[in-house]
N, C-alpha and C. Protein backbone atom coordinates (compact mmCIF):
# COMPACT_ATOMS: atom_id res chain seq x y z
N UNK A 1 17.04 3.78 -47.14
CA UNK A 1 17.28 2.76 -46.14
C UNK A 1 16.33 2.99 -44.96
N UNK A 2 15.61 1.96 -44.54
CA UNK A 2 14.68 2.11 -43.43
C UNK A 2 15.39 1.85 -42.11
N UNK A 3 14.72 2.27 -41.05
CA UNK A 3 15.29 2.11 -39.72
C UNK A 3 15.47 0.64 -39.36
N UNK A 4 14.53 -0.20 -39.80
CA UNK A 4 14.63 -1.62 -39.45
C UNK A 4 15.84 -2.27 -40.09
N UNK A 5 16.28 -1.75 -41.24
CA UNK A 5 17.48 -2.32 -41.86
C UNK A 5 18.74 -1.87 -41.12
N UNK A 6 18.68 -0.69 -40.53
CA UNK A 6 19.82 -0.18 -39.78
C UNK A 6 19.97 -0.95 -38.46
N UNK A 7 18.85 -1.13 -37.77
CA UNK A 7 18.87 -1.82 -36.48
C UNK A 7 17.71 -2.80 -36.43
N UNK A 8 17.94 -4.03 -36.84
CA UNK A 8 16.83 -5.00 -36.88
C UNK A 8 16.29 -5.35 -35.48
N UNK A 9 17.01 -5.05 -34.43
CA UNK A 9 16.57 -5.36 -33.07
C UNK A 9 15.77 -4.22 -32.45
N UNK A 10 15.54 -3.16 -33.21
CA UNK A 10 14.87 -1.98 -32.65
C UNK A 10 13.48 -2.32 -32.11
N UNK A 11 12.69 -3.07 -32.85
CA UNK A 11 11.34 -3.38 -32.38
C UNK A 11 11.39 -4.25 -31.13
N UNK A 12 12.35 -5.14 -31.05
CA UNK A 12 12.50 -5.96 -29.84
C UNK A 12 12.87 -5.07 -28.66
N UNK A 13 13.79 -4.14 -28.89
CA UNK A 13 14.19 -3.22 -27.81
C UNK A 13 13.01 -2.37 -27.36
N UNK A 14 12.22 -1.89 -28.31
CA UNK A 14 11.05 -1.08 -27.96
C UNK A 14 10.05 -1.89 -27.15
N UNK A 15 9.81 -3.14 -27.56
CA UNK A 15 8.89 -3.99 -26.81
C UNK A 15 9.39 -4.22 -25.39
N UNK A 16 10.68 -4.45 -25.25
CA UNK A 16 11.25 -4.65 -23.92
C UNK A 16 11.12 -3.39 -23.07
N UNK A 17 11.31 -2.23 -23.69
CA UNK A 17 11.16 -0.97 -22.95
C UNK A 17 9.73 -0.80 -22.48
N UNK A 18 8.75 -1.14 -23.36
CA UNK A 18 7.34 -1.04 -22.97
C UNK A 18 7.01 -2.02 -21.85
N UNK A 19 7.57 -3.20 -21.91
CA UNK A 19 7.35 -4.18 -20.84
C UNK A 19 7.95 -3.69 -19.52
N UNK A 20 9.13 -3.11 -19.58
CA UNK A 20 9.77 -2.56 -18.38
C UNK A 20 8.92 -1.44 -17.79
N UNK A 21 8.40 -0.58 -18.66
CA UNK A 21 7.57 0.52 -18.19
C UNK A 21 6.29 -0.01 -17.55
N UNK A 22 5.66 -0.99 -18.18
CA UNK A 22 4.44 -1.58 -17.62
C UNK A 22 4.73 -2.23 -16.27
N UNK A 23 5.87 -2.92 -16.16
CA UNK A 23 6.26 -3.54 -14.90
C UNK A 23 6.47 -2.49 -13.82
N UNK A 24 7.11 -1.38 -14.18
CA UNK A 24 7.36 -0.31 -13.21
C UNK A 24 6.04 0.31 -12.75
N UNK A 25 5.09 0.50 -13.67
CA UNK A 25 3.79 1.06 -13.28
C UNK A 25 3.05 0.11 -12.36
N UNK A 26 3.09 -1.17 -12.68
CA UNK A 26 2.41 -2.16 -11.84
C UNK A 26 3.03 -2.19 -10.45
N UNK A 27 4.34 -2.13 -10.37
CA UNK A 27 5.01 -2.12 -9.07
C UNK A 27 4.62 -0.90 -8.26
N UNK A 28 4.53 0.26 -8.93
CA UNK A 28 4.13 1.49 -8.24
C UNK A 28 2.72 1.35 -7.70
N UNK A 29 1.81 0.77 -8.50
CA UNK A 29 0.44 0.58 -8.02
C UNK A 29 0.38 -0.39 -6.85
N UNK A 30 1.17 -1.46 -6.91
CA UNK A 30 1.21 -2.42 -5.80
C UNK A 30 1.74 -1.76 -4.53
N UNK A 31 2.80 -0.95 -4.68
CA UNK A 31 3.36 -0.25 -3.53
C UNK A 31 2.33 0.70 -2.90
N UNK A 32 1.60 1.42 -3.75
CA UNK A 32 0.56 2.34 -3.24
C UNK A 32 -0.54 1.57 -2.52
N UNK A 33 -0.95 0.44 -3.08
CA UNK A 33 -2.00 -0.37 -2.45
C UNK A 33 -1.53 -0.91 -1.10
N UNK A 34 -0.27 -1.36 -1.05
CA UNK A 34 0.26 -1.85 0.23
C UNK A 34 0.33 -0.73 1.27
N UNK A 35 0.72 0.45 0.84
CA UNK A 35 0.80 1.59 1.77
C UNK A 35 -0.58 1.96 2.29
N UNK A 36 -1.59 1.95 1.40
CA UNK A 36 -2.96 2.23 1.85
C UNK A 36 -3.42 1.18 2.85
N UNK A 37 -3.08 -0.09 2.59
CA UNK A 37 -3.46 -1.17 3.51
C UNK A 37 -2.80 -0.98 4.87
N UNK A 38 -1.50 -0.65 4.87
CA UNK A 38 -0.80 -0.41 6.14
C UNK A 38 -1.44 0.76 6.89
N UNK A 39 -1.81 1.79 6.15
CA UNK A 39 -2.44 2.96 6.76
C UNK A 39 -3.78 2.57 7.40
N UNK A 40 -4.57 1.77 6.68
CA UNK A 40 -5.85 1.31 7.24
C UNK A 40 -5.63 0.48 8.48
N UNK A 41 -4.63 -0.41 8.44
CA UNK A 41 -4.35 -1.26 9.61
C UNK A 41 -3.92 -0.42 10.80
N UNK A 42 -3.10 0.60 10.55
CA UNK A 42 -2.67 1.47 11.65
C UNK A 42 -3.87 2.23 12.23
N UNK A 43 -4.74 2.73 11.36
CA UNK A 43 -5.93 3.43 11.85
C UNK A 43 -6.81 2.50 12.67
N UNK A 44 -6.98 1.27 12.21
CA UNK A 44 -7.80 0.30 12.96
C UNK A 44 -7.16 0.00 14.31
N UNK A 45 -5.84 -0.13 14.35
CA UNK A 45 -5.15 -0.41 15.61
C UNK A 45 -5.32 0.76 16.58
N UNK A 46 -5.19 1.98 16.07
CA UNK A 46 -5.38 3.16 16.95
C UNK A 46 -6.80 3.22 17.48
N UNK A 47 -7.77 2.94 16.60
CA UNK A 47 -9.17 2.96 17.00
C UNK A 47 -9.43 1.91 18.08
N UNK A 48 -8.88 0.73 17.90
CA UNK A 48 -9.05 -0.35 18.89
C UNK A 48 -8.39 0.02 20.22
N UNK A 49 -7.22 0.66 20.15
CA UNK A 49 -6.53 1.06 21.38
C UNK A 49 -7.36 2.10 22.14
N UNK A 50 -7.92 3.06 21.41
CA UNK A 50 -8.76 4.07 22.07
C UNK A 50 -10.00 3.44 22.69
N UNK A 51 -10.59 2.49 21.98
CA UNK A 51 -11.77 1.80 22.49
C UNK A 51 -11.43 1.03 23.77
N UNK A 52 -10.29 0.36 23.78
CA UNK A 52 -9.85 -0.39 24.97
C UNK A 52 -9.59 0.56 26.13
N UNK A 53 -8.99 1.71 25.85
CA UNK A 53 -8.75 2.70 26.91
C UNK A 53 -10.06 3.18 27.51
N UNK A 54 -11.04 3.47 26.65
CA UNK A 54 -12.35 3.92 27.16
C UNK A 54 -12.98 2.84 28.03
N UNK A 55 -12.91 1.59 27.58
CA UNK A 55 -13.49 0.49 28.35
C UNK A 55 -12.77 0.34 29.69
N UNK A 56 -11.46 0.51 29.69
CA UNK A 56 -10.69 0.41 30.92
C UNK A 56 -11.07 1.53 31.89
N UNK A 57 -11.19 2.74 31.37
CA UNK A 57 -11.58 3.87 32.23
C UNK A 57 -12.97 3.65 32.81
N UNK A 58 -13.87 3.18 31.95
CA UNK A 58 -15.24 2.93 32.41
C UNK A 58 -15.25 1.87 33.51
N UNK A 59 -14.47 0.81 33.34
CA UNK A 59 -14.41 -0.27 34.35
C UNK A 59 -13.83 0.25 35.65
N UNK A 60 -12.78 1.10 35.57
CA UNK A 60 -12.19 1.67 36.79
C UNK A 60 -13.20 2.56 37.52
N UNK A 61 -13.93 3.36 36.73
CA UNK A 61 -14.93 4.24 37.34
C UNK A 61 -16.04 3.43 38.01
N UNK A 62 -16.50 2.36 37.35
CA UNK A 62 -17.55 1.53 37.93
C UNK A 62 -17.04 0.82 39.19
N UNK A 63 -15.79 0.38 39.16
CA UNK A 63 -15.21 -0.29 40.32
C UNK A 63 -15.10 0.70 41.49
N UNK A 64 -14.64 1.91 41.19
CA UNK A 64 -14.52 2.93 42.23
C UNK A 64 -15.89 3.29 42.81
N UNK A 65 -16.89 3.35 41.95
CA UNK A 65 -18.24 3.70 42.41
C UNK A 65 -18.84 2.57 43.24
N UNK A 66 -18.45 1.34 42.99
CA UNK A 66 -19.01 0.20 43.71
C UNK A 66 -18.42 0.07 45.11
N UNK A 67 -17.31 0.70 45.39
CA UNK A 67 -16.67 0.55 46.71
C UNK A 67 -17.32 1.37 47.75
């Protein structure tokens, strides 16, 4: 007696398990990509904030020197 005669739905169950696994892997990759994007955005925001601070300090120094 073969396995398919014992459980004729076995191949369907296996296919569904493989699809679930593929879906889980894809979700993990999407989550990682989103996290990298958030990290890049945060780094860009910090860089912009530091640049603005430097410009502000420079403007204050120039204003003080002009008085």
